[in-house]
């Protein structure tokens, strides 16, 4: 049996790569009895095991910050810190042929045609599981869509040209007809028919097709309630920048408040900041605002840091997230620079996101 094999091998360290994230023989064995002097949880489950028999968990300073005791105290394990992103991948070795490069113009246009995406539109994409999309984030996406499309039509009218059908579209993974109908209904009801018509949906596909079709999009949208982990790696590997929300930790917020208090006698530390006020307005229709305290919400930011575009693509507040969406579509030079920086890091080994060889 597996247990006899473990006893015979006299293992010093045993690592569980699944945890509560699925069916794992190792996780079951660890729960029944101690199998090694040191037992470690890694990768599979995005959080603490809460189990006395798991001695350590492997993370990084973004997902479990050094200076955030309010987050660290949620973990029963000792933390082993990776120097960069803990969420390693093998894309460089197993997905080399699944990239849709920018110079493959005809293939990229054909992929857009295949999935009903306008050839000249700016495509925002979220192919994460639909249950990861929270109401506040979805509304922020729709607001950004409306801003981009209104600006595009205003510019067209100013220049005497015809109004465009859609300057930007939002491409989502379909989980069923009811999901699509509900999202379209919300978009139409709260933002109008123009925004509703900018929604596109696709079905789950085989992995190679999933990887390649991501290259037909322009920006991948992370979901703050439960972020993109594997699919975030997939998008970034395809050279598609991702926008992720990462709110400041309590320590960082306190430092900001202290800095404000020393430069202004009219601002009280106890008052909300401008961004907090904007976020309150942004999430007014949602009873519980989106936060990024839990590890599952912070992986996207860790991936962006490891890929070298964290400064450009991590938003500290929901209003910043929305503004960043608009900037990506409106500022071609800036967006092109971010995209080139991402691909340069991927291809030149000068970013850590895909350099598992160290």
Foldseek 3Di string as FASTA:
>chain_A
DVLVVLVVVQDAEAEDAAQPQDDDPVNVVLVVDASHPAYEYEHHDQAANPDPSHAEYEAACQLPNPPFVVLVVRHPHHYDHDDAGRQADACVPPVPPLADDPVVLVVLQVLCVVQVHDSQAAEEEEADPPVLADPLLLVLVLVLQVVQQVVQQVVCVVVVHHRDLGNYAYEYEDPDPVVLVVSLVVSCVPPNPSSSVRYTYDYDDPPSSLLNSLLSHAEYEFRQQFGDRVVLLSNLLNLHHYAAEAADHPVVLVVVLVVVVVVDVVDHSPDDDPLVVVQCVSCVVPPDGRHRSGSRNRSSLSLCVQLPCNVLRYHNHSVSSSVSSNCCSVPVVVVVVSSVSSVCCSVVVVGRRHPPVD
